[in-house]
């Protein structure tokens, strides 16, 4: 944590480039051979272009934009999952990314086994996960499926278990990508309440959601992104109406 700044996240002129091939190849060996011989045409795609924004401690950020605008890419850069092509990211605190719920699960293992596996991935000891085990199961509402391999779970059940595990900690920064649509409406309210509890500890939330009402309820500031560019950034009360008007 940076004691000299009241900013918890500082994004400076961040751009993210992907090299894309439009040609179809049957295997990696053929791709490499054709690439070396110059027979593969690579095109550049800039998912983010010169994004700059800062969030102070105690503030929360919503990110809005149509599909393909670069929202999830920005989240992954802030979370440290991706390194930007240019620019820099300053993150001053512990981060819990809820980007792909259940991404670390082994689908051949049971829910019980995956709780301890995910706990280890997140850096928790077996004793710590044992202490949190009942809380995780109660929150996910999957007690009767605790010893069922999760390959037999629906996608909603997997996401519920992943959310319950990922939110047992109280991080400085919680990064969430479209995860408040988990399960039915009653469970969505539970997820929203859990996130509000985390916010109440002084944590910063960074939330991507197509549900603008969630952004308005949970985020003090909003960044509107379109085609990788920052269209507007400021208080949610100002930016949300601008974004909604652009969709009409």
Protein backbone atom coordinates (compact mmCIF):
# COMPACT_ATOMS: atom_id res chain seq x y z
CA UNK A 1 0.00 0.00 0.00
CA UNK A 2 1.26 3.47 -0.88
CA UNK A 3 1.13 5.61 2.30
CA UNK A 4 1.94 8.78 0.38
CA UNK A 5 -1.18 8.75 -1.78
CA UNK A 6 -4.90 8.63 -1.11
CA UNK A 7 -5.36 6.86 -4.46
CA UNK A 8 -5.88 3.11 -4.30
CA UNK A 9 -5.92 2.61 -8.10
CA UNK A 10 -4.07 4.75 -10.64
CA UNK A 11 -4.37 3.90 -14.35
CA UNK A 12 -1.96 5.90 -16.53
CA UNK A 13 -2.26 5.97 -20.35
CA UNK A 14 -2.93 2.24 -20.54
CA UNK A 15 -3.27 0.57 -23.94
CA UNK A 16 -3.65 -3.13 -24.69
CA UNK A 17 -2.83 -4.65 -28.08
CA UNK A 18 -3.66 -8.16 -29.29
CA UNK A 19 -2.17 -9.73 -32.41
CA UNK A 20 -4.85 -11.64 -34.29
CA UNK A 21 -4.72 -14.07 -37.18
CA UNK A 22 -7.68 -14.40 -39.53
CA UNK A 23 -6.43 -17.61 -41.13
CA UNK A 24 -7.55 -21.07 -40.11
CA UNK A 25 -4.90 -23.70 -39.34
CA UNK A 26 -5.42 -27.26 -38.15
CA UNK A 27 -2.70 -27.47 -35.49
CA UNK A 28 -0.04 -25.46 -33.70
CA UNK A 29 2.82 -27.00 -35.72
CA UNK A 30 1.27 -25.87 -39.00
CA UNK A 31 0.63 -22.42 -37.51
CA UNK A 32 4.28 -21.99 -36.44
CA UNK A 33 5.63 -23.19 -39.81
CA UNK A 34 3.35 -20.84 -41.74
CA UNK A 35 4.13 -17.98 -39.35
CA UNK A 36 7.90 -18.42 -39.76
CA UNK A 37 7.52 -18.48 -43.55
CA UNK A 38 5.42 -15.32 -43.45
CA UNK A 39 2.27 -17.05 -44.68
CA UNK A 40 0.16 -16.01 -41.69
CA UNK A 41 -1.26 -12.50 -41.81
CA UNK A 42 -1.28 -10.91 -38.34
CA UNK A 43 -3.54 -7.96 -37.65
CA UNK A 44 -3.36 -5.68 -34.64
CA UNK A 45 -6.39 -5.13 -32.42
CA UNK A 46 -6.25 -2.46 -29.72
CA UNK A 47 -8.65 -3.51 -26.96
CA UNK A 48 -7.71 -0.45 -24.87
CA UNK A 49 -6.40 2.91 -26.07
CA UNK A 50 -4.80 5.43 -23.70
CA UNK A 51 -7.03 4.85 -20.66
CA UNK A 52 -6.31 7.05 -17.64
CA UNK A 53 -8.32 7.23 -14.42
CA UNK A 54 -7.75 7.25 -10.66
CA UNK A 55 -9.85 6.02 -7.73
CA UNK A 56 -9.36 7.19 -4.15
CA UNK A 57 -9.71 5.03 -1.07
CA UNK A 58 -13.36 4.67 -0.12
CA UNK A 59 -14.57 5.24 -3.69
CA UNK A 60 -15.94 2.52 -5.95
CA UNK A 61 -15.78 2.28 -9.74
CA UNK A 62 -18.36 1.02 -12.20
CA UNK A 63 -17.31 0.25 -15.78
CA UNK A 64 -19.98 0.39 -18.49
CA UNK A 65 -20.03 -0.07 -22.25
CA UNK A 66 -21.53 -2.26 -24.93
CA UNK A 67 -20.23 -5.78 -25.56
CA UNK A 68 -16.68 -5.75 -26.92
CA UNK A 69 -15.88 -2.28 -25.67
CA UNK A 70 -12.89 -3.41 -23.55
CA UNK A 71 -14.45 -3.51 -20.07
CA UNK A 72 -13.26 -7.01 -19.13
CA UNK A 73 -9.80 -6.33 -20.57
CA UNK A 74 -9.47 -3.27 -18.34
CA UNK A 75 -10.49 -5.32 -15.31
CA UNK A 76 -7.91 -7.98 -16.10
CA UNK A 77 -5.18 -5.36 -16.49
CA UNK A 78 -6.07 -3.80 -13.14
CA UNK A 79 -6.20 -7.25 -11.51
CA UNK A 80 -2.74 -8.08 -12.85
CA UNK A 81 -4.01 -10.95 -15.00
CA UNK A 82 -2.73 -9.12 -18.09
CA UNK A 83 0.19 -6.72 -18.55
CA UNK A 84 -0.68 -3.64 -20.61
CA UNK A 85 1.14 -3.07 -23.89
CA UNK A 86 1.86 0.53 -22.89
CA UNK A 87 1.15 2.62 -19.82
CA UNK A 88 1.20 1.68 -16.15
CA UNK A 89 -1.12 0.55 -13.37
CA UNK A 90 -0.74 1.48 -9.71
CA UNK A 91 -2.70 -0.75 -7.31
CA UNK A 92 -2.15 -0.02 -3.62
CA UNK A 93 -3.79 -2.81 -1.61
CA UNK A 94 -4.78 -6.47 -1.62
CA UNK A 95 -6.93 -7.53 -4.58
CA UNK A 96 -9.63 -10.20 -4.85
CA UNK A 97 -10.62 -10.67 -8.51
CA UNK A 98 -14.07 -12.15 -9.22
CA UNK A 99 -13.54 -12.29 -12.97
CA UNK A 100 -14.15 -15.92 -13.90
CA UNK A 101 -15.94 -17.65 -11.04
CA UNK A 102 -14.86 -21.27 -10.71
CA UNK A 103 -11.93 -20.85 -13.10
CA UNK A 104 -9.67 -22.76 -10.69
CA UNK A 105 -12.04 -25.68 -10.15
CA UNK A 106 -11.23 -29.30 -11.01
CA UNK A 107 -14.52 -30.59 -12.40
CA UNK A 108 -13.68 -34.20 -11.53
CA UNK A 109 -13.52 -33.29 -7.82
CA UNK A 110 -16.42 -32.73 -5.44
CA UNK A 111 -17.56 -29.37 -4.10
CA UNK A 112 -15.88 -30.21 -0.76
CA UNK A 113 -12.56 -31.02 -2.46
CA UNK A 114 -12.74 -27.91 -4.65
CA UNK A 115 -13.26 -25.65 -1.64
CA UNK A 116 -9.90 -26.76 -0.24
CA UNK A 117 -8.26 -26.71 -3.68
CA UNK A 118 -9.42 -23.14 -4.36
CA UNK A 119 -8.45 -22.11 -0.85
CA UNK A 120 -4.90 -23.31 -1.51
CA UNK A 121 -4.83 -21.40 -4.81
CA UNK A 122 -5.93 -18.26 -2.95
CA UNK A 123 -3.20 -18.78 -0.36
CA UNK A 124 -5.27 -20.12 2.55
CA UNK A 125 -4.16 -23.00 4.75
CA UNK A 126 -6.28 -26.12 5.10
CA UNK A 127 -7.05 -25.11 8.70
CA UNK A 128 -8.28 -21.70 7.56
CA UNK A 129 -10.54 -23.25 4.93
CA UNK A 130 -11.87 -25.76 7.47
CA UNK A 131 -12.85 -22.84 9.69
CA UNK A 132 -14.69 -21.19 6.76
CA UNK A 133 -16.14 -24.38 5.29
CA UNK A 134 -19.64 -24.16 6.82
CA UNK A 135 -19.90 -20.46 5.98
CA UNK A 136 -19.08 -21.22 2.34
CA UNK A 137 -21.62 -24.02 2.12
CA UNK A 138 -24.33 -22.00 3.87
CA UNK A 139 -23.83 -19.04 1.57
CA UNK A 140 -23.76 -21.12 -1.63
CA UNK A 141 -26.84 -23.12 -0.51
CA UNK A 142 -25.28 -26.28 -1.91
CA UNK A 143 -25.09 -28.37 1.26
CA UNK A 144 -26.84 -31.39 -0.25
CA UNK A 145 -24.38 -31.42 -3.16
CA UNK A 146 -21.19 -31.09 -1.11
CA UNK A 147 -19.87 -34.54 -2.10
CA UNK A 148 -21.04 -34.44 -5.72
CA UNK A 149 -18.40 -33.91 -8.47
CA UNK A 150 -18.96 -30.43 -9.83
CA UNK A 151 -18.95 -31.75 -13.39
CA UNK A 152 -22.56 -32.59 -12.53
CA UNK A 153 -23.32 -29.00 -11.43
CA UNK A 154 -25.15 -26.45 -13.54
CA UNK A 155 -23.19 -23.33 -14.51
CA UNK A 156 -25.20 -21.39 -11.92
CA UNK A 157 -24.24 -23.80 -9.14
CA UNK A 158 -20.57 -23.56 -10.10
CA UNK A 159 -20.75 -19.76 -10.05
CA UNK A 160 -22.48 -19.75 -6.65
CA UNK A 161 -19.77 -21.94 -5.14
CA UNK A 162 -17.06 -19.81 -6.76
CA UNK A 163 -18.58 -16.58 -5.42
CA UNK A 164 -18.92 -18.02 -1.89
CA UNK A 165 -15.24 -19.05 -1.87
CA UNK A 166 -13.91 -15.87 -3.46
CA UNK A 167 -15.66 -13.54 -0.99
CA UNK A 168 -14.57 -15.15 2.28
CA UNK A 169 -11.69 -12.67 2.46
CA UNK A 170 -12.00 -8.94 3.09
CA UNK A 171 -9.68 -7.41 0.48
CA UNK A 172 -8.79 -3.76 -0.05
CA UNK A 173 -10.02 -4.03 -3.66
CA UNK A 174 -12.74 -6.36 -4.99
CA UNK A 175 -12.87 -6.67 -8.79
CA UNK A 176 -16.09 -8.15 -10.17
CA UNK A 177 -17.03 -8.87 -13.79
CA UNK A 178 -20.75 -9.48 -14.38
CA UNK A 179 -21.03 -11.74 -11.33
CA UNK A 180 -24.17 -10.28 -9.75
CA UNK A 181 -26.28 -12.31 -12.17
CA UNK A 182 -25.36 -15.51 -10.31
CA UNK A 183 -28.29 -17.83 -9.57
CA UNK A 184 -31.89 -16.77 -9.04
CA UNK A 185 -33.11 -13.34 -7.93
CA UNK A 186 -33.00 -14.24 -4.22
CA UNK A 187 -29.39 -15.40 -4.50
CA UNK A 188 -28.46 -12.29 -6.51
CA UNK A 189 -29.67 -10.19 -3.58
CA UNK A 190 -27.44 -12.26 -1.26
CA UNK A 191 -24.44 -11.59 -3.52
CA UNK A 192 -25.21 -7.88 -3.61
CA UNK A 193 -25.53 -7.83 0.19
CA UNK A 194 -22.18 -9.63 0.57
CA UNK A 195 -20.50 -7.08 -1.68
CA UNK A 196 -22.06 -4.22 0.28
CA UNK A 197 -20.66 -5.80 3.47
CA UNK A 198 -17.21 -5.77 1.88
CA UNK A 199 -17.68 -2.12 0.85
CA UNK A 200 -18.68 -1.28 4.45
CA UNK A 201 -15.22 -2.39 5.60
CA UNK A 202 -13.73 0.42 3.51
CA UNK A 203 -12.91 -1.75 0.50
CA UNK A 204 -13.00 -0.41 -3.05
CA UNK A 205 -15.27 -2.22 -5.54
CA UNK A 206 -14.60 -2.22 -9.27
CA UNK A 207 -17.71 -3.56 -10.99
CA UNK A 208 -18.55 -4.34 -14.60
CA UNK A 209 -22.28 -4.80 -15.12
CA UNK A 210 -24.83 -4.32 -17.87
CA UNK A 211 -27.37 -3.62 -15.12
CA UNK A 212 -26.97 0.15 -14.78
CA UNK A 213 -29.10 0.16 -11.62
CA UNK A 214 -26.43 -1.97 -9.89
CA UNK A 215 -23.75 0.50 -10.93
CA UNK A 216 -25.86 3.39 -9.61
CA UNK A 217 -26.44 1.64 -6.27
CA UNK A 218 -22.91 0.41 -5.62
CA UNK A 219 -20.46 2.73 -7.39
CA UNK A 220 -19.50 6.32 -6.57
CA UNK A 221 -17.75 6.75 -9.94
CA UNK A 222 -18.27 5.34 -13.42
CA UNK A 223 -16.04 4.92 -16.47
CA UNK A 224 -17.78 4.64 -19.84
CA UNK A 225 -15.70 2.78 -22.43
CA UNK A 226 -16.42 2.41 -26.13
CA UNK A 227 -14.18 0.62 -28.63
CA UNK A 228 -11.33 0.66 -26.14
CA UNK A 229 -11.48 4.39 -25.50
CA UNK A 230 -12.58 6.21 -22.37
CA UNK A 231 -15.63 8.23 -23.39
CA UNK A 232 -16.31 9.72 -19.94
CA UNK A 233 -15.28 9.30 -16.32
CA UNK A 234 -16.69 10.92 -13.20
CA UNK A 235 -19.42 10.67 -10.57
CA UNK A 236 -21.93 7.92 -11.39
CA UNK A 237 -24.81 10.39 -11.07
CA UNK A 238 -23.37 12.24 -14.08
CA UNK A 239 -21.96 9.44 -16.23
CA UNK A 240 -24.78 6.87 -15.97
CA UNK A 241 -27.39 9.15 -17.63
CA UNK A 242 -24.91 10.03 -20.40
CA UNK A 243 -24.26 6.36 -21.09
CA UNK A 244 -27.95 5.42 -21.08
CA UNK A 245 -28.72 8.29 -23.45
CA UNK A 246 -26.09 6.98 -25.87
CA UNK A 247 -27.98 3.67 -26.13
CA UNK A 248 -31.21 5.28 -27.30
